[in-house]
């Protein structure tokens, strides 16, 4: 049995929320502002899935707006953060493991993988016996790459037994000749909208009315100025003079002393 006083109190609280925040208690898409129905609702990742996010919310974005924002705003942010994502080994919920092409200051090209692993960007295939054309020296970046090269040679030379070369594979690790160059630019309006969208999704998941965040909603919908920034709890450099910007930090490994 529901106490009449409790029922009246609940109705009163709901009425106050509607009056204060302008809520109609019906979910509306934070991007387009239109009402969300069961047929066009979507599961929005609070942290973009491309950044390793797993937790989702519903009643937040239309499916179309979700897909569009994922391909543009979230995609831009993921591209900017991809070197960091790969170096620290962030695992995505699904999809193929990502790799990105990187180059050293000396011009060597590699594929950067999860956990900061590096492998050759292109295989090196040399004919060890040009007279017969049946003996090759192959250098590749991974066992998977070796299998792909051998299958290609098998199509060219059907008589080759590719099982024997796979059994004789040797692994060699070497130091880079020079540091890797990575462009770590971060920011911009598209990436900023992804950050603001994640912040709103987190607030929504905590039960806060997103209608209170008019600056954020206006920014996502294109009617307000950017409302995000960057905050650091401490300086990266000790005793840096005030108001002097940080341009870059260079770290170089020395192979000889280890």
C-alpha atoms as a PDB file:
ATOM      1  CA  UNK A   1       0.000   0.000   0.000  1.00  0.00           C
ATOM      2  CA  UNK A   2       1.403   3.429  -0.993  1.00  0.00           C
ATOM      3  CA  UNK A   3       1.101   6.162   1.578  1.00  0.00           C
ATOM      4  CA  UNK A   4      -0.852   9.140   0.117  1.00  0.00           C
ATOM      5  CA  UNK A   5       1.622  11.573   1.694  1.00  0.00           C
ATOM      6  CA  UNK A   6       4.613   9.813   0.045  1.00  0.00           C
ATOM      7  CA  UNK A   7       2.819   9.778  -3.292  1.00  0.00           C
ATOM      8  CA  UNK A   8       2.028  13.490  -3.034  1.00  0.00           C
ATOM      9  CA  UNK A   9       5.653  14.209  -2.064  1.00  0.00           C
ATOM     10  CA  UNK A  10       6.976  12.329  -5.119  1.00  0.00           C
ATOM     11  CA  UNK A  11       4.577  14.204  -7.403  1.00  0.00           C
ATOM     12  CA  UNK A  12       5.644  17.478  -5.798  1.00  0.00           C
ATOM     13  CA  UNK A  13       9.350  16.757  -6.316  1.00  0.00           C
ATOM     14  CA  UNK A  14       8.771  15.872  -9.963  1.00  0.00           C
ATOM     15  CA  UNK A  15       6.757  19.054 -10.473  1.00  0.00           C
ATOM     16  CA  UNK A  16       9.553  21.151  -8.915  1.00  0.00           C
ATOM     17  CA  UNK A  17      12.152  19.573 -11.186  1.00  0.00           C
ATOM     18  CA  UNK A  18      10.004  20.323 -14.212  1.00  0.00           C
ATOM     19  CA  UNK A  19       9.560  23.940 -13.147  1.00  0.00           C
ATOM     20  CA  UNK A  20      13.211  24.565 -12.220  1.00  0.00           C
ATOM     21  CA  UNK A  21      14.953  22.784 -15.085  1.00  0.00           C
ATOM     22  CA  UNK A  22      12.317  22.889 -17.772  1.00  0.00           C
ATOM     23  CA  UNK A  23      12.299  19.097 -18.025  1.00  0.00           C
ATOM     24  CA  UNK A  24       9.366  17.324 -19.562  1.00  0.00           C
ATOM     25  CA  UNK A  25      10.668  14.011 -18.211  1.00  0.00           C
ATOM     26  CA  UNK A  26      10.942  12.679 -21.770  1.00  0.00           C
ATOM     27  CA  UNK A  27      14.444  11.903 -23.080  1.00  0.00           C
ATOM     28  CA  UNK A  28      15.707  14.261 -25.777  1.00  0.00           C
ATOM     29  CA  UNK A  29      18.794  13.837 -27.941  1.00  0.00           C
ATOM     30  CA  UNK A  30      21.576  16.094 -26.626  1.00  0.00           C
ATOM     31  CA  UNK A  31      22.749  16.806 -30.188  1.00  0.00           C
ATOM     32  CA  UNK A  32      19.589  17.500 -32.200  1.00  0.00           C
ATOM     33  CA  UNK A  33      17.232  18.216 -29.275  1.00  0.00           C
ATOM     34  CA  UNK A  34      14.424  16.041 -30.639  1.00  0.00           C
ATOM     35  CA  UNK A  35      12.556  13.533 -28.476  1.00  0.00           C
ATOM     36  CA  UNK A  36      14.043  10.013 -28.331  1.00  0.00           C
ATOM     37  CA  UNK A  37      11.669   7.100 -28.834  1.00  0.00           C
ATOM     38  CA  UNK A  38      12.233   3.378 -28.428  1.00  0.00           C
ATOM     39  CA  UNK A  39      12.647   2.978 -32.182  1.00  0.00           C
ATOM     40  CA  UNK A  40      15.465   5.529 -32.574  1.00  0.00           C
ATOM     41  CA  UNK A  41      17.260   5.204 -29.218  1.00  0.00           C
ATOM     42  CA  UNK A  42      20.903   4.071 -29.068  1.00  0.00           C
ATOM     43  CA  UNK A  43      23.565   2.901 -26.638  1.00  0.00           C
ATOM     44  CA  UNK A  44      26.079   5.725 -26.331  1.00  0.00           C
ATOM     45  CA  UNK A  45      29.531   4.993 -24.865  1.00  0.00           C
ATOM     46  CA  UNK A  46      30.333   7.489 -22.105  1.00  0.00           C
ATOM     47  CA  UNK A  47      33.982   7.278 -23.115  1.00  0.00           C
ATOM     48  CA  UNK A  48      34.143   6.615 -26.877  1.00  0.00           C
ATOM     49  CA  UNK A  49      34.550   2.951 -27.769  1.00  0.00           C
ATOM     50  CA  UNK A  50      37.520   3.917 -29.957  1.00  0.00           C
ATOM     51  CA  UNK A  51      39.290   5.047 -26.769  1.00  0.00           C
ATOM     52  CA  UNK A  52      38.520   1.829 -24.919  1.00  0.00           C
ATOM     53  CA  UNK A  53      35.215   2.910 -23.373  1.00  0.00           C
ATOM     54  CA  UNK A  54      32.776   0.192 -22.299  1.00  0.00           C
ATOM     55  CA  UNK A  55      30.096   1.785 -20.150  1.00  0.00           C
ATOM     56  CA  UNK A  56      27.042   2.984 -22.078  1.00  0.00           C
ATOM     57  CA  UNK A  57      23.904   5.041 -21.528  1.00  0.00           C
ATOM     58  CA  UNK A  58      20.564   4.992 -23.355  1.00  0.00           C
ATOM     59  CA  UNK A  59      17.995   7.728 -23.820  1.00  0.00           C
ATOM     60  CA  UNK A  60      20.848  10.128 -24.582  1.00  0.00           C
ATOM     61  CA  UNK A  61      21.375  10.154 -28.367  1.00  0.00           C
ATOM     62  CA  UNK A  62      19.417   9.206 -31.449  1.00  0.00           C
ATOM     63  CA  UNK A  63      20.999   6.364 -33.385  1.00  0.00           C
ATOM     64  CA  UNK A  64      21.732   8.641 -36.359  1.00  0.00           C
ATOM     65  CA  UNK A  65      23.316  11.345 -34.165  1.00  0.00           C
ATOM     66  CA  UNK A  66      25.309   8.673 -32.319  1.00  0.00           C
ATOM     67  CA  UNK A  67      26.760   7.263 -35.541  1.00  0.00           C
ATOM     68  CA  UNK A  68      27.511  10.703 -36.980  1.00  0.00           C
ATOM     69  CA  UNK A  69      29.237  11.933 -33.814  1.00  0.00           C
ATOM     70  CA  UNK A  70      31.223   8.708 -33.585  1.00  0.00           C
ATOM     71  CA  UNK A  71      32.505   9.052 -37.137  1.00  0.00           C
ATOM     72  CA  UNK A  72      33.419  12.733 -36.772  1.00  0.00           C
ATOM     73  CA  UNK A  73      33.953  14.024 -33.220  1.00  0.00           C
ATOM     74  CA  UNK A  74      35.011  10.739 -31.588  1.00  0.00           C
ATOM     75  CA  UNK A  75      36.984   9.727 -34.673  1.00  0.00           C
ATOM     76  CA  UNK A  76      38.981  12.964 -34.587  1.00  0.00           C
ATOM     77  CA  UNK A  77      39.773  12.588 -30.886  1.00  0.00           C
ATOM     78  CA  UNK A  78      40.766   8.932 -31.321  1.00  0.00           C
ATOM     79  CA  UNK A  79      43.094   9.831 -34.190  1.00  0.00           C
ATOM     80  CA  UNK A  80      44.793  12.499 -32.083  1.00  0.00           C
ATOM     81  CA  UNK A  81      45.212  10.168 -29.114  1.00  0.00           C
ATOM     82  CA  UNK A  82      46.072   7.023 -31.097  1.00  0.00           C
ATOM     83  CA  UNK A  83      49.845   7.150 -30.362  1.00  0.00           C
ATOM     84  CA  UNK A  84      49.114   7.299 -26.620  1.00  0.00           C
ATOM     85  CA  UNK A  85      46.382   4.638 -26.841  1.00  0.00           C
ATOM     86  CA  UNK A  86      48.760   2.236 -28.566  1.00  0.00           C
ATOM     87  CA  UNK A  87      51.737   2.967 -26.321  1.00  0.00           C
ATOM     88  CA  UNK A  88      49.849   2.335 -23.080  1.00  0.00           C
ATOM     89  CA  UNK A  89      48.033  -0.711 -24.497  1.00  0.00           C
ATOM     90  CA  UNK A  90      44.402   0.444 -24.218  1.00  0.00           C
ATOM     91  CA  UNK A  91      42.143  -2.491 -25.144  1.00  0.00           C
ATOM     92  CA  UNK A  92      38.989  -1.821 -27.119  1.00  0.00           C
ATOM     93  CA  UNK A  93      35.796  -3.766 -26.489  1.00  0.00           C
ATOM     94  CA  UNK A  94      35.665  -5.118 -30.029  1.00  0.00           C
ATOM     95  CA  UNK A  95      37.091  -4.766 -33.497  1.00  0.00           C
ATOM     96  CA  UNK A  96      40.478  -5.432 -35.011  1.00  0.00           C
ATOM     97  CA  UNK A  97      43.597  -4.472 -33.065  1.00  0.00           C
ATOM     98  CA  UNK A  98      44.790  -1.097 -34.312  1.00  0.00           C
ATOM     99  CA  UNK A  99      48.213  -0.269 -35.668  1.00  0.00           C
ATOM    100  CA  UNK A 100      49.551   2.965 -37.058  1.00  0.00           C
ATOM    101  CA  UNK A 101      52.407   3.849 -39.356  1.00  0.00           C
ATOM    102  CA  UNK A 102      55.241   5.757 -37.679  1.00  0.00           C
ATOM    103  CA  UNK A 103      58.667   6.899 -38.818  1.00  0.00           C
ATOM    104  CA  UNK A 104      61.958   7.579 -37.084  1.00  0.00           C
ATOM    105  CA  UNK A 105      63.938  10.780 -37.496  1.00  0.00           C
ATOM    106  CA  UNK A 106      66.204   8.777 -39.877  1.00  0.00           C
ATOM    107  CA  UNK A 107      63.251   7.865 -42.095  1.00  0.00           C
ATOM    108  CA  UNK A 108      62.759   4.231 -41.039  1.00  0.00           C
ATOM    109  CA  UNK A 109      59.119   3.157 -41.234  1.00  0.00           C
ATOM    110  CA  UNK A 110      57.407   0.890 -38.708  1.00  0.00           C
ATOM    111  CA  UNK A 111      53.958  -0.155 -37.499  1.00  0.00           C
ATOM    112  CA  UNK A 112      53.223   0.894 -33.909  1.00  0.00           C
ATOM    113  CA  UNK A 113      51.066  -1.686 -32.139  1.00  0.00           C
ATOM    114  CA  UNK A 114      49.439  -2.181 -28.753  1.00  0.00           C
ATOM    115  CA  UNK A 115      51.769  -1.744 -25.815  1.00  0.00           C
ATOM    116  CA  UNK A 116      54.255   0.219 -27.923  1.00  0.00           C
ATOM    117  CA  UNK A 117      55.344  -2.774 -29.990  1.00  0.00           C
ATOM    118  CA  UNK A 118      57.030  -2.059 -33.318  1.00  0.00           C
ATOM    119  CA  UNK A 119      57.239  -4.146 -36.461  1.00  0.00           C
ATOM    120  CA  UNK A 120      58.523  -3.567 -39.964  1.00  0.00           C
ATOM    121  CA  UNK A 121      56.145  -1.544 -42.123  1.00  0.00           C
ATOM    122  CA  UNK A 122      57.000  -3.431 -45.324  1.00  0.00           C
ATOM    123  CA  UNK A 123      58.591  -6.874 -45.777  1.00  0.00           C
ATOM    124  CA  UNK A 124      61.990  -7.113 -47.436  1.00  0.00           C
ATOM    125  CA  UNK A 125      62.158  -9.900 -50.032  1.00  0.00           C
ATOM    126  CA  UNK A 126      65.475 -10.663 -51.747  1.00  0.00           C
ATOM    127  CA  UNK A 127      66.264 -13.407 -54.247  1.00  0.00           C
ATOM    128  CA  UNK A 128      69.172 -15.299 -52.695  1.00  0.00           C
ATOM    129  CA  UNK A 129      69.682 -17.316 -55.904  1.00  0.00           C
ATOM    130  CA  UNK A 130      68.675 -15.162 -58.899  1.00  0.00           C
ATOM    131  CA  UNK A 131      69.690 -17.924 -61.323  1.00  0.00           C
ATOM    132  CA  UNK A 132      66.870 -20.222 -60.232  1.00  0.00           C
ATOM    133  CA  UNK A 133      64.510 -17.685 -58.690  1.00  0.00           C
ATOM    134  CA  UNK A 134      63.419 -20.267 -56.113  1.00  0.00           C
ATOM    135  CA  UNK A 135      65.486 -19.172 -53.108  1.00  0.00           C
ATOM    136  CA  UNK A 136      64.511 -16.069 -51.195  1.00  0.00           C
ATOM    137  CA  UNK A 137      65.681 -14.189 -48.124  1.00  0.00           C
ATOM    138  CA  UNK A 138      62.682 -12.690 -46.338  1.00  0.00           C
ATOM    139  CA  UNK A 139      62.534 -10.164 -43.507  1.00  0.00           C
ATOM    140  CA  UNK A 140      59.133  -9.372 -42.024  1.00  0.00           C
ATOM    141  CA  UNK A 141      57.778  -7.757 -38.896  1.00  0.00           C
ATOM    142  CA  UNK A 142      55.678 -10.620 -37.537  1.00  0.00           C
ATOM    143  CA  UNK A 143      54.810 -14.302 -37.921  1.00  0.00           C
ATOM    144  CA  UNK A 144      51.491 -13.280 -39.482  1.00  0.00           C
ATOM    145  CA  UNK A 145      53.377 -11.191 -42.030  1.00  0.00           C
ATOM    146  CA  UNK A 146      55.687 -14.112 -42.760  1.00  0.00           C
ATOM    147  CA  UNK A 147      52.737 -16.382 -43.527  1.00  0.00           C
ATOM    148  CA  UNK A 148      51.252 -13.800 -45.898  1.00  0.00           C
ATOM    149  CA  UNK A 149      54.537 -13.410 -47.810  1.00  0.00           C
ATOM    150  CA  UNK A 150      55.024 -17.176 -48.060  1.00  0.00           C
ATOM    151  CA  UNK A 151      51.494 -17.670 -49.358  1.00  0.00           C
ATOM    152  CA  UNK A 152      52.231 -15.089 -52.055  1.00  0.00           C
ATOM    153  CA  UNK A 153      55.407 -16.902 -53.047  1.00  0.00           C
ATOM    154  CA  UNK A 154      53.498 -20.174 -53.066  1.00  0.00           C
ATOM    155  CA  UNK A 155      51.157 -18.755 -55.686  1.00  0.00           C
ATOM    156  CA  UNK A 156      54.152 -17.682 -57.775  1.00  0.00           C
ATOM    157  CA  UNK A 157      56.075 -20.939 -57.222  1.00  0.00           C
ATOM    158  CA  UNK A 158      53.594 -23.777 -56.533  1.00  0.00           C
ATOM    159  CA  UNK A 159      56.427 -26.206 -55.848  1.00  0.00           C
ATOM    160  CA  UNK A 160      57.626 -24.345 -52.740  1.00  0.00           C
ATOM    161  CA  UNK A 161      56.934 -26.079 -49.417  1.00  0.00           C
ATOM    162  CA  UNK A 162      56.071 -23.156 -47.123  1.00  0.00           C
ATOM    163  CA  UNK A 163      55.930 -25.351 -44.003  1.00  0.00           C
ATOM    164  CA  UNK A 164      59.717 -25.708 -43.943  1.00  0.00           C
ATOM    165  CA  UNK A 165      60.482 -21.934 -43.948  1.00  0.00           C
ATOM    166  CA  UNK A 166      57.934 -21.344 -41.156  1.00  0.00           C
ATOM    167  CA  UNK A 167      59.709 -23.927 -39.008  1.00  0.00           C
ATOM    168  CA  UNK A 168      63.074 -22.216 -39.602  1.00  0.00           C
ATOM    169  CA  UNK A 169      61.992 -18.683 -38.707  1.00  0.00           C
ATOM    170  CA  UNK A 170      64.387 -16.839 -36.389  1.00  0.00           C
ATOM    171  CA  UNK A 171      63.408 -13.764 -34.361  1.00  0.00           C
ATOM    172  CA  UNK A 172      65.848 -10.885 -34.070  1.00  0.00           C
ATOM    173  CA  UNK A 173      65.371  -7.733 -31.990  1.00  0.00           C
ATOM    174  CA  UNK A 174      67.312  -4.565 -32.798  1.00  0.00           C
ATOM    175  CA  UNK A 175      67.443  -0.986 -31.567  1.00  0.00           C
ATOM    176  CA  UNK A 176      66.114   1.855 -33.658  1.00  0.00           C
ATOM    177  CA  UNK A 177      68.695   3.980 -35.412  1.00  0.00           C
ATOM    178  CA  UNK A 178      66.990   7.174 -34.273  1.00  0.00           C
ATOM    179  CA  UNK A 179      63.973   8.322 -32.202  1.00  0.00           C
ATOM    180  CA  UNK A 180      60.419   7.940 -33.500  1.00  0.00           C
ATOM    181  CA  UNK A 181      58.646  11.122 -34.534  1.00  0.00           C
ATOM    182  CA  UNK A 182      55.046  11.378 -33.282  1.00  0.00           C
ATOM    183  CA  UNK A 183      52.692  14.289 -33.869  1.00  0.00           C
ATOM    184  CA  UNK A 184      50.748  14.685 -30.614  1.00  0.00           C
ATOM    185  CA  UNK A 185      48.592  17.675 -31.462  1.00  0.00           C
ATOM    186  CA  UNK A 186      45.487  17.641 -29.306  1.00  0.00           C
ATOM    187  CA  UNK A 187      42.399  19.793 -29.390  1.00  0.00           C
ATOM    188  CA  UNK A 188      40.113  21.537 -31.847  1.00  0.00           C
ATOM    189  CA  UNK A 189      36.345  21.914 -32.034  1.00  0.00           C
ATOM    190  CA  UNK A 190      35.569  18.371 -33.196  1.00  0.00           C
ATOM    191  CA  UNK A 191      37.652  16.780 -30.441  1.00  0.00           C
ATOM    192  CA  UNK A 192      36.251  19.312 -27.988  1.00  0.00           C
ATOM    193  CA  UNK A 193      32.692  18.292 -28.827  1.00  0.00           C
ATOM    194  CA  UNK A 194      33.623  14.670 -28.152  1.00  0.00           C
ATOM    195  CA  UNK A 195      34.979  15.661 -24.725  1.00  0.00           C
ATOM    196  CA  UNK A 196      31.887  17.725 -23.885  1.00  0.00           C
ATOM    197  CA  UNK A 197      29.605  14.902 -25.065  1.00  0.00           C
ATOM    198  CA  UNK A 198      31.411  12.446 -22.764  1.00  0.00           C
ATOM    199  CA  UNK A 199      31.081  14.876 -19.848  1.00  0.00           C
ATOM    200  CA  UNK A 200      27.349  15.236 -20.463  1.00  0.00           C
ATOM    201  CA  UNK A 201      26.955  11.453 -20.767  1.00  0.00           C
ATOM    202  CA  UNK A 202      28.719  11.001 -17.418  1.00  0.00           C
ATOM    203  CA  UNK A 203      26.433  13.587 -15.783  1.00  0.00           C
ATOM    204  CA  UNK A 204      23.376  11.947 -17.340  1.00  0.00           C
ATOM    205  CA  UNK A 205      24.492   8.518 -16.105  1.00  0.00           C
ATOM    206  CA  UNK A 206      24.826   9.979 -12.578  1.00  0.00           C
ATOM    207  CA  UNK A 207      21.208  11.128 -12.720  1.00  0.00           C
ATOM    208  CA  UNK A 208      21.835  14.844 -13.276  1.00  0.00           C
ATOM    209  CA  UNK A 209      19.452  16.686 -15.639  1.00  0.00           C
ATOM    210  CA  UNK A 210      21.432  17.580 -18.763  1.00  0.00           C
ATOM    211  CA  UNK A 211      19.070  20.532 -19.330  1.00  0.00           C
ATOM    212  CA  UNK A 212      21.030  22.301 -16.594  1.00  0.00           C
ATOM    213  CA  UNK A 213      24.093  22.273 -18.881  1.00  0.00           C
ATOM    214  CA  UNK A 214      22.905  24.856 -21.395  1.00  0.00           C
ATOM    215  CA  UNK A 215      26.419  25.932 -22.452  1.00  0.00           C
ATOM    216  CA  UNK A 216      27.369  22.334 -23.223  1.00  0.00           C
ATOM    217  CA  UNK A 217      24.117  21.614 -25.065  1.00  0.00           C
ATOM    218  CA  UNK A 218      24.470  24.822 -27.069  1.00  0.00           C
ATOM    219  CA  UNK A 219      28.038  23.925 -28.026  1.00  0.00           C
ATOM    220  CA  UNK A 220      27.062  20.438 -29.183  1.00  0.00           C
ATOM    221  CA  UNK A 221      24.182  21.883 -31.195  1.00  0.00           C
ATOM    222  CA  UNK A 222      26.329  24.598 -32.765  1.00  0.00           C
ATOM    223  CA  UNK A 223      24.742  27.655 -31.187  1.00  0.00           C
ATOM    224  CA  UNK A 224      27.256  28.406 -28.418  1.00  0.00           C
ATOM    225  CA  UNK A 225      31.008  28.985 -28.181  1.00  0.00           C
ATOM    226  CA  UNK A 226      33.375  26.193 -27.085  1.00  0.00           C
ATOM    227  CA  UNK A 227      33.015  25.439 -23.375  1.00  0.00           C
ATOM    228  CA  UNK A 228      35.959  23.134 -22.674  1.00  0.00           C
ATOM    229  CA  UNK A 229      39.573  23.573 -21.645  1.00  0.00           C
ATOM    230  CA  UNK A 230      42.576  21.725 -20.273  1.00  0.00           C
ATOM    231  CA  UNK A 231      43.584  21.569 -16.627  1.00  0.00           C
ATOM    232  CA  UNK A 232      46.793  20.249 -15.092  1.00  0.00           C
ATOM    233  CA  UNK A 233      47.155  19.515 -11.380  1.00  0.00           C
ATOM    234  CA  UNK A 234      50.898  20.185 -11.506  1.00  0.00           C
ATOM    235  CA  UNK A 235      53.619  21.515 -13.775  1.00  0.00           C
ATOM    236  CA  UNK A 236      55.529  19.035 -15.910  1.00  0.00           C
ATOM    237  CA  UNK A 237      58.801  20.913 -15.404  1.00  0.00           C
ATOM    238  CA  UNK A 238      60.426  21.749 -12.084  1.00  0.00           C
ATOM    239  CA  UNK A 239      61.156  25.458 -11.467  1.00  0.00           C
ATOM    240  CA  UNK A 240      59.821  26.579 -14.860  1.00  0.00           C
ATOM    241  CA  UNK A 241      59.429  30.381 -14.930  1.00  0.00           C
ATOM    242  CA  UNK A 242      55.794  31.506 -14.640  1.00  0.00           C
ATOM    243  CA  UNK A 243      53.887  32.201 -17.864  1.00  0.00           C
ATOM    244  CA  UNK A 244      56.507  30.437 -19.980  1.00  0.00           C
ATOM    245  CA  UNK A 245      54.758  27.915 -22.280  1.00  0.00           C
ATOM    246  CA  UNK A 246      55.902  24.331 -22.558  1.00  0.00           C
ATOM    247  CA  UNK A 247      56.880  23.660 -26.173  1.00  0.00           C
ATOM    248  CA  UNK A 248      58.283  20.136 -26.182  1.00  0.00           C
ATOM    249  CA  UNK A 249      60.122  17.459 -24.233  1.00  0.00           C
ATOM    250  CA  UNK A 250      62.586  15.238 -26.103  1.00  0.00           C
ATOM    251  CA  UNK A 251      63.570  11.796 -24.776  1.00  0.00           C
ATOM    252  CA  UNK A 252      66.212   9.744 -26.559  1.00  0.00           C
ATOM    253  CA  UNK A 253      67.332   6.217 -25.666  1.00  0.00           C
ATOM    254  CA  UNK A 254      70.997   5.292 -25.965  1.00  0.00           C
ATOM    255  CA  UNK A 255      71.403   1.664 -27.168  1.00  0.00           C
ATOM    256  CA  UNK A 256      75.117   1.343 -26.316  1.00  0.00           C
ATOM    257  CA  UNK A 257      74.975   1.756 -22.513  1.00  0.00           C
ATOM    258  CA  UNK A 258      71.444   0.314 -22.420  1.00  0.00           C
END
